């Protein structure tokens, strides 16, 4: 099988959903793979690669240009497979991405009962451009659906997300996120005198971080040997202005090529994976647990999918309910008991190496593509 894989950028999504699985499929002899950047589609070599290939694979098609490309590929008899690792139709209004996918105005209600317009069509930039354009967002969602509908196969990360995409296309395969242990540096553990607890996330995770903010501050005040390592969007630093700042450590995002070295250097003992229980989050994957585990950090995660479907509570991580008390208890259990957190971390690392390792799972991509080439419907 010859696969033409189109890389749209150099971000984490492209790495986990396109580059890593197909690079490993090539490495392990499951398929021939040709990688091409999206910017190269207009060059002479692109049509030649498309003609030589059996399958064209790419992620997140949401424009008319991608629709025309899909039509062209199918016209010359190629199987088109598209991928998405998120839910673009159920985004929370507290997620900045709602600006591009939201189709309703939304007001935020404060604790004192007052309301504030968060998303409305009167919002404009200093240059007068609309910031929140419902008509444009409806068009974006329609194009996304149309692109997925025209594909021969849609791939995604979880059974929950598959159910969403089955309403668009009857042929959807679950190809989970896996980890490559070789992606992360190996080295001796750093010398440290504190317990290091970390959280990482982008702007879309404000609600999730806010959920555990009281628990984090509470535990920091109780345990002076605990440091909270914050890594992500530095605009959220204000959430922790009431925390003891000598127990806080802040790190900004780095390019994905530097990410494994950055997260390794954080030297975490405990990793936090909080999620607010909503439809968008229930369609996410457990990638953060995979990353913490491969680095030998014990995880405390929200007791909901995607984490409850992969973490064995008390064995490969701790699952916490959505209240502050549950998070405080779970975190304290690992802060106080070094041997407990080390046992959890070892078990989780072994689980990831055994059952979530891309080196033993890369065959899943060519196998799913082969079914699409035969016109078979995927049942899971």
Protein backbone atom coordinates (compact mmCIF):
# COMPACT_ATOMS: atom_id res chain seq x y z
CA UNK A 1 0.00 0.00 0.00
CA UNK A 2 1.23 3.49 -0.90
CA UNK A 3 0.07 6.33 1.34
CA UNK A 4 0.45 10.03 0.60
CA UNK A 5 0.39 11.79 3.98
CA UNK A 6 -0.18 15.54 3.99
CA UNK A 7 1.24 17.45 6.97
CA UNK A 8 -0.60 20.68 7.60
CA UNK A 9 1.77 22.11 10.24
CA UNK A 10 4.39 21.11 12.79
CA UNK A 11 2.10 21.15 15.83
CA UNK A 12 1.32 18.35 18.26
CA UNK A 13 -1.88 17.35 16.45
CA UNK A 14 0.01 16.75 13.21
CA UNK A 15 2.66 14.78 15.09
CA UNK A 16 0.27 12.43 16.90
CA UNK A 17 -2.34 12.04 14.16
CA UNK A 18 -0.29 12.03 10.92
CA UNK A 19 3.48 11.97 11.24
CA UNK A 20 4.05 9.55 14.12
CA UNK A 21 1.71 6.69 13.12
CA UNK A 22 2.63 6.74 9.45
CA UNK A 23 6.34 7.17 10.08
CA UNK A 24 6.16 4.07 12.27
CA UNK A 25 4.06 2.22 9.67
CA UNK A 26 6.85 2.94 7.18
CA UNK A 27 9.57 2.00 9.65
CA UNK A 28 7.94 -1.34 10.49
CA UNK A 29 7.23 -2.23 6.88
CA UNK A 30 3.44 -1.96 6.99
CA UNK A 31 3.18 0.50 4.09
CA UNK A 32 5.05 2.83 1.77
CA UNK A 33 4.52 6.39 2.93
CA UNK A 34 5.26 9.68 1.19
CA UNK A 35 5.10 12.80 3.34
CA UNK A 36 4.26 16.15 1.79
CA UNK A 37 3.57 19.54 3.36
CA UNK A 38 0.30 21.32 2.70
CA UNK A 39 2.28 24.22 1.22
CA UNK A 40 3.67 21.82 -1.42
CA UNK A 41 0.28 20.81 -2.83
CA UNK A 42 0.57 23.35 -5.64
CA UNK A 43 4.00 22.14 -6.75
CA UNK A 44 4.65 19.74 -9.63
CA UNK A 45 5.61 16.79 -7.46
CA UNK A 46 2.28 16.69 -5.58
CA UNK A 47 0.09 15.38 -8.44
CA UNK A 48 2.73 12.76 -9.26
CA UNK A 49 2.73 11.51 -5.66
CA UNK A 50 -1.08 11.50 -5.62
CA UNK A 51 -1.21 9.40 -8.81
CA UNK A 52 1.37 6.95 -7.40
CA UNK A 53 -0.51 6.56 -4.11
CA UNK A 54 -3.41 4.32 -3.14
CA UNK A 55 -4.53 6.41 -0.17
CA UNK A 56 -4.44 10.16 0.51
CA UNK A 57 -4.43 10.92 4.26
CA UNK A 58 -4.68 14.27 6.05
CA UNK A 59 -6.28 15.87 9.10
CA UNK A 60 -8.77 18.66 9.85
CA UNK A 61 -10.21 19.54 6.40
CA UNK A 62 -12.53 22.51 6.92
CA UNK A 63 -12.36 24.72 3.81
CA UNK A 64 -13.63 24.79 0.26
CA UNK A 65 -10.05 24.27 -0.99
CA UNK A 66 -9.89 20.95 0.86
CA UNK A 67 -13.30 20.01 -0.56
CA UNK A 68 -12.02 20.59 -4.09
CA UNK A 69 -8.88 18.60 -3.30
CA UNK A 70 -10.94 15.67 -2.00
CA UNK A 71 -13.08 15.71 -5.16
CA UNK A 72 -9.96 15.72 -7.34
CA UNK A 73 -8.43 12.77 -5.47
CA UNK A 74 -11.59 10.72 -5.73
CA UNK A 75 -11.96 11.60 -9.40
CA UNK A 76 -8.62 9.93 -10.14
CA UNK A 77 -9.63 6.86 -8.14
CA UNK A 78 -7.80 7.50 -4.87
CA UNK A 79 -9.12 6.58 -1.43
CA UNK A 80 -9.38 9.67 0.78
CA UNK A 81 -9.00 9.35 4.54
CA UNK A 82 -9.47 12.34 6.82
CA UNK A 83 -8.79 12.61 10.54
CA UNK A 84 -9.88 14.77 13.44
CA UNK A 85 -8.91 14.40 17.11
CA UNK A 86 -11.38 16.86 18.61
CA UNK A 87 -15.08 17.74 18.57
CA UNK A 88 -15.62 20.95 16.59
CA UNK A 89 -19.40 20.98 17.09
CA UNK A 90 -19.72 21.04 20.90
CA UNK A 91 -17.09 23.58 21.92
CA UNK A 92 -17.69 25.36 25.23
CA UNK A 93 -18.26 29.13 25.01
CA UNK A 94 -15.43 29.45 27.55
CA UNK A 95 -13.06 27.95 24.99
CA UNK A 96 -11.44 30.67 22.80
CA UNK A 97 -11.99 28.41 19.76
CA UNK A 98 -15.71 29.16 20.13
CA UNK A 99 -14.90 32.36 18.24
CA UNK A 100 -14.55 30.29 15.06
CA UNK A 101 -17.17 27.56 15.59
CA UNK A 102 -19.85 29.07 17.84
CA UNK A 103 -23.22 29.68 16.22
CA UNK A 104 -25.08 31.36 19.09
CA UNK A 105 -24.42 34.50 21.15
CA UNK A 106 -23.58 33.68 24.75
CA UNK A 107 -23.74 35.54 28.07
CA UNK A 108 -21.66 34.66 31.13
CA UNK A 109 -23.32 34.83 34.53
CA UNK A 110 -21.14 35.79 37.48
CA UNK A 111 -21.63 34.45 41.00
CA UNK A 112 -23.37 37.68 42.09
CA UNK A 113 -26.03 37.17 39.40
CA UNK A 114 -24.81 39.82 36.97
CA UNK A 115 -24.35 38.83 33.33
CA UNK A 116 -21.78 39.84 30.78
CA UNK A 117 -21.89 39.43 27.01
CA UNK A 118 -19.09 37.04 26.16
CA UNK A 119 -19.85 36.32 22.50
CA UNK A 120 -21.98 38.61 20.36
CA UNK A 121 -21.89 39.85 16.77
CA UNK A 122 -21.27 43.45 17.77
CA UNK A 123 -17.73 42.50 18.79
CA UNK A 124 -15.20 44.14 16.43
CA UNK A 125 -11.43 44.45 16.27
CA UNK A 126 -9.66 47.86 16.34
CA UNK A 127 -9.74 47.75 12.52
CA UNK A 128 -13.51 47.23 12.49
CA UNK A 129 -13.44 43.53 11.55
CA UNK A 130 -16.05 41.28 13.09
CA UNK A 131 -14.58 39.12 15.85
CA UNK A 132 -17.56 36.79 16.22
CA UNK A 133 -19.28 36.09 12.92
CA UNK A 134 -22.10 33.56 13.17
CA UNK A 135 -22.64 33.29 9.40
CA UNK A 136 -18.94 32.57 8.84
CA UNK A 137 -18.94 30.01 11.64
CA UNK A 138 -21.97 28.23 10.18
CA UNK A 139 -20.17 28.10 6.84
CA UNK A 140 -17.06 26.67 8.53
CA UNK A 141 -19.08 23.92 10.21
CA UNK A 142 -20.94 23.15 6.98
CA UNK A 143 -17.68 22.84 5.03
CA UNK A 144 -16.25 20.61 7.73
CA UNK A 145 -19.25 18.29 7.51
CA UNK A 146 -19.13 18.29 3.73
CA UNK A 147 -15.43 17.38 3.68
CA UNK A 148 -15.95 14.53 6.10
CA UNK A 149 -19.02 13.35 4.24
CA UNK A 150 -17.04 13.13 0.98
CA UNK A 151 -14.17 11.13 2.52
CA UNK A 152 -14.00 7.35 2.05
CA UNK A 153 -12.99 6.96 5.69
CA UNK A 154 -12.89 9.22 8.75
CA UNK A 155 -10.48 8.41 11.58
CA UNK A 156 -10.58 9.71 15.15
CA UNK A 157 -9.20 9.00 18.62
CA UNK A 158 -12.00 7.52 20.76
CA UNK A 159 -15.30 5.57 20.54
CA UNK A 160 -17.10 8.62 21.94
CA UNK A 161 -15.82 10.88 19.17
CA UNK A 162 -16.62 8.18 16.62
CA UNK A 163 -20.29 8.40 17.59
CA UNK A 164 -20.25 12.13 16.78
CA UNK A 165 -18.69 11.60 13.36
CA UNK A 166 -20.99 8.70 12.47
CA UNK A 167 -23.75 11.29 12.10
CA UNK A 168 -21.73 12.68 9.16
CA UNK A 169 -20.08 9.65 7.58
CA UNK A 170 -21.03 5.96 8.08
CA UNK A 171 -17.39 4.85 7.85
CA UNK A 172 -15.44 5.96 10.94
CA UNK A 173 -12.45 4.12 12.46
CA UNK A 174 -11.05 4.63 15.96
CA UNK A 175 -7.27 4.97 15.77
CA UNK A 176 -6.23 6.01 19.29
CA UNK A 177 -3.40 8.29 20.19
CA UNK A 178 -0.30 6.29 21.05
CA UNK A 179 3.06 7.28 22.47
CA UNK A 180 6.58 6.79 21.13
CA UNK A 181 8.91 6.24 24.12
CA UNK A 182 11.86 7.09 21.86
CA UNK A 183 10.47 10.62 21.42
CA UNK A 184 11.48 11.52 24.97
CA UNK A 185 15.06 11.91 26.18
CA UNK A 186 16.55 9.41 28.59
CA UNK A 187 18.65 10.47 31.48
CA UNK A 188 19.31 10.29 35.16
CA UNK A 189 16.71 11.81 37.46
CA UNK A 190 17.47 15.33 38.59
CA UNK A 191 18.35 15.93 42.22
CA UNK A 192 15.48 17.66 44.01
CA UNK A 193 14.35 18.37 47.54
CA UNK A 194 10.66 18.95 46.77
CA UNK A 195 7.68 17.09 45.36
CA UNK A 196 6.95 18.49 41.90
CA UNK A 197 3.33 18.53 40.74
CA UNK A 198 2.57 19.75 37.22
CA UNK A 199 -0.22 20.81 34.91
CA UNK A 200 0.06 21.69 31.23
CA UNK A 201 -2.46 23.01 28.76
CA UNK A 202 -3.38 25.69 26.27
CA UNK A 203 -6.01 28.41 26.25
CA UNK A 204 -8.83 25.92 25.65
CA UNK A 205 -8.32 24.43 29.12
CA UNK A 206 -9.21 27.45 31.26
CA UNK A 207 -12.35 25.82 32.66
CA UNK A 208 -10.47 22.63 33.43
CA UNK A 209 -7.71 24.42 35.32
CA UNK A 210 -10.25 26.57 37.16
CA UNK A 211 -11.92 23.36 38.37
CA UNK A 212 -8.85 22.31 40.37
CA UNK A 213 -7.51 25.73 41.28
CA UNK A 214 -8.90 25.67 44.87
CA UNK A 215 -7.50 22.18 45.45
CA UNK A 216 -4.06 23.14 44.17
CA UNK A 217 -3.85 26.23 46.38
CA UNK A 218 -5.14 24.30 49.40
CA UNK A 219 -2.59 21.51 49.04
CA UNK A 220 0.25 23.96 48.45
CA UNK A 221 -0.58 25.71 51.73
CA UNK A 222 -0.68 22.39 53.59
CA UNK A 223 2.59 21.02 52.20
CA UNK A 224 5.56 23.37 52.05
CA UNK A 225 7.66 20.73 50.29
CA UNK A 226 5.29 20.76 47.29
CA UNK A 227 5.92 22.87 44.18
CA UNK A 228 3.30 23.46 41.49
CA UNK A 229 4.83 23.50 38.00
CA UNK A 230 2.55 25.38 35.63
CA UNK A 231 3.24 24.94 31.91
CA UNK A 232 1.11 26.54 29.22
CA UNK A 233 -0.73 29.77 28.47
CA UNK A 234 0.83 32.32 30.81
CA UNK A 235 -2.29 34.47 30.68
CA UNK A 236 -3.73 32.08 33.29
CA UNK A 237 -1.07 32.92 35.86
CA UNK A 238 -3.52 35.22 37.62
CA UNK A 239 -5.53 32.22 38.76
CA UNK A 240 -2.78 31.49 41.25
CA UNK A 241 -2.07 34.96 42.61
CA UNK A 242 -3.32 33.77 46.03
CA UNK A 243 -1.03 30.73 46.05
CA UNK A 244 2.33 30.85 47.89
CA UNK A 245 4.52 32.13 45.07
CA UNK A 246 7.69 30.51 46.43
CA UNK A 247 5.95 27.18 45.66
CA UNK A 248 4.97 28.16 42.12
CA UNK A 249 6.96 27.68 38.91
CA UNK A 250 5.77 29.02 35.53
CA UNK A 251 6.77 27.81 32.06
CA UNK A 252 5.59 29.05 28.68
CA UNK A 253 4.83 26.84 25.67
CA UNK A 254 7.69 25.77 23.44
CA UNK A 255 7.60 24.56 19.79
CA UNK A 256 6.66 20.91 19.53
CA UNK A 257 10.13 19.93 18.33
CA UNK A 258 11.45 21.05 21.72
CA UNK A 259 8.49 19.74 23.72
CA UNK A 260 9.91 16.33 24.81
CA UNK A 261 13.02 17.99 26.21
CA UNK A 262 10.97 20.66 27.93
CA UNK A 263 8.53 18.31 29.63
CA UNK A 264 11.40 15.99 30.61
CA UNK A 265 13.23 18.91 32.22
CA UNK A 266 10.18 19.73 34.39
CA UNK A 267 11.03 16.57 36.37
CA UNK A 268 7.47 15.94 37.56
CA UNK A 269 6.47 13.54 40.30
CA UNK A 270 2.73 14.13 39.86
CA UNK A 271 0.77 15.17 36.76
CA UNK A 272 -2.72 16.65 36.91
CA UNK A 273 -5.36 15.95 34.23
CA UNK A 274 -8.54 17.83 35.21
CA UNK A 275 -11.54 18.04 32.87
CA UNK A 276 -14.89 19.74 33.31
CA UNK A 277 -17.60 17.19 32.54
CA UNK A 278 -19.08 18.32 29.23
CA UNK A 279 -19.64 16.80 25.81
CA UNK A 280 -16.54 18.40 24.29
CA UNK A 281 -14.22 16.98 26.96
CA UNK A 282 -15.82 13.53 26.90
CA UNK A 283 -14.77 13.36 23.23
CA UNK A 284 -11.09 14.07 23.97
CA UNK A 285 -8.27 11.53 24.31
CA UNK A 286 -6.08 10.65 27.31
CA UNK A 287 -2.87 11.94 25.73
CA UNK A 288 -1.73 13.80 28.87
CA UNK A 289 -1.87 10.61 30.94
CA UNK A 290 0.24 8.89 28.28
CA UNK A 291 2.82 11.67 28.39
CA UNK A 292 3.00 11.86 32.19
CA UNK A 293 3.26 8.08 32.42
CA UNK A 294 6.09 7.66 29.93
CA UNK A 295 8.02 10.22 32.03
CA UNK A 296 7.35 8.27 35.26
CA UNK A 297 4.99 10.78 36.85
CA UNK A 298 1.93 9.56 38.76
CA UNK A 299 -1.33 10.99 37.43
CA UNK A 300 -4.42 12.39 39.12
CA UNK A 301 -7.19 12.72 36.52
CA UNK A 302 -10.88 13.51 36.36
CA UNK A 303 -13.08 10.46 36.88
CA UNK A 304 -14.65 10.55 33.42
CA UNK A 305 -13.84 9.48 29.90
CA UNK A 306 -11.34 9.73 28.35
CA UNK A 307 -9.33 9.02 31.52
CA UNK A 308 -11.63 6.52 33.22
CA UNK A 309 -11.50 4.30 30.13
CA UNK A 310 -7.69 3.89 30.27
CA UNK A 311 -6.65 4.47 33.89
CA UNK A 312 -7.11 1.66 36.39
CA UNK A 313 -8.01 3.66 39.49
CA UNK A 314 -5.51 3.06 42.27
CA UNK A 315 -3.22 1.06 40.01
CA UNK A 316 -2.11 3.20 37.04
CA UNK A 317 -3.37 6.52 38.36
CA UNK A 318 -5.93 8.13 40.64
CA UNK A 319 -9.37 9.25 39.42
CA UNK A 320 -10.95 12.20 41.22
CA UNK A 321 -14.53 13.44 41.25
CA UNK A 322 -15.28 17.02 40.24
CA UNK A 323 -15.30 18.48 43.77
CA UNK A 324 -12.40 20.17 45.54
CA UNK A 325 -12.34 17.69 48.42
CA UNK A 326 -11.81 14.72 46.09
CA UNK A 327 -8.90 16.44 44.33
CA UNK A 328 -7.29 17.48 47.61
CA UNK A 329 -7.48 13.91 48.94
CA UNK A 330 -6.06 12.38 45.76
CA UNK A 331 -3.20 14.86 45.48
CA UNK A 332 -2.33 14.63 49.19
CA UNK A 333 -2.23 10.85 48.98
CA UNK A 334 0.60 11.11 46.44
CA UNK A 335 2.39 14.03 48.09
CA UNK A 336 2.58 12.29 51.45
CA UNK A 337 3.37 8.76 50.30
CA UNK A 338 6.44 8.66 48.07
CA UNK A 339 6.30 4.90 47.62
CA UNK A 340 2.64 5.05 46.63
CA UNK A 341 3.23 7.58 43.87
CA UNK A 342 6.31 5.72 42.65
CA UNK A 343 4.34 2.46 42.42
CA UNK A 344 1.56 4.19 40.49
CA UNK A 345 4.07 5.82 38.17
CA UNK A 346 5.86 2.53 37.47
CA UNK A 347 2.62 0.67 36.78
CA UNK A 348 1.38 3.43 34.47
CA UNK A 349 4.68 3.51 32.59
CA UNK A 350 4.58 -0.25 32.11
CA UNK A 351 0.97 -0.04 30.92
CA UNK A 352 1.81 2.65 28.37
CA UNK A 353 4.88 0.81 27.09
CA UNK A 354 2.86 -2.40 26.74
CA UNK A 355 -0.53 -1.28 25.44
CA UNK A 356 -0.18 2.32 24.20
CA UNK A 357 3.11 2.09 22.32
CA UNK A 358 3.00 3.18 18.67
CA UNK A 359 5.81 0.75 17.85
CA UNK A 360 3.40 -2.16 18.29
CA UNK A 361 0.26 -0.38 17.05
CA UNK A 362 1.24 1.35 13.79
CA UNK A 363 -0.24 -1.52 11.74
CA UNK A 364 -3.71 -0.23 12.68
CA UNK A 365 -3.50 2.65 10.18
CA UNK A 366 -2.75 0.61 7.02
CA UNK A 367 -5.27 -2.02 8.14
CA UNK A 368 -8.05 0.57 8.43
CA UNK A 369 -7.04 2.12 5.10
CA UNK A 370 -7.07 -1.31 3.47
CA UNK A 371 -10.67 -1.84 4.54
CA UNK A 372 -11.59 1.51 3.01
CA UNK A 373 -9.87 0.49 -0.25
CA UNK A 374 -12.06 -2.62 -0.31
CA UNK A 375 -15.19 -0.57 0.29
CA UNK A 376 -15.78 -2.18 3.69
CA UNK A 377 -17.52 -0.35 6.52
CA UNK A 378 -15.52 -0.10 9.75
CA UNK A 379 -17.45 -1.37 12.76
CA UNK A 380 -15.26 0.14 15.49
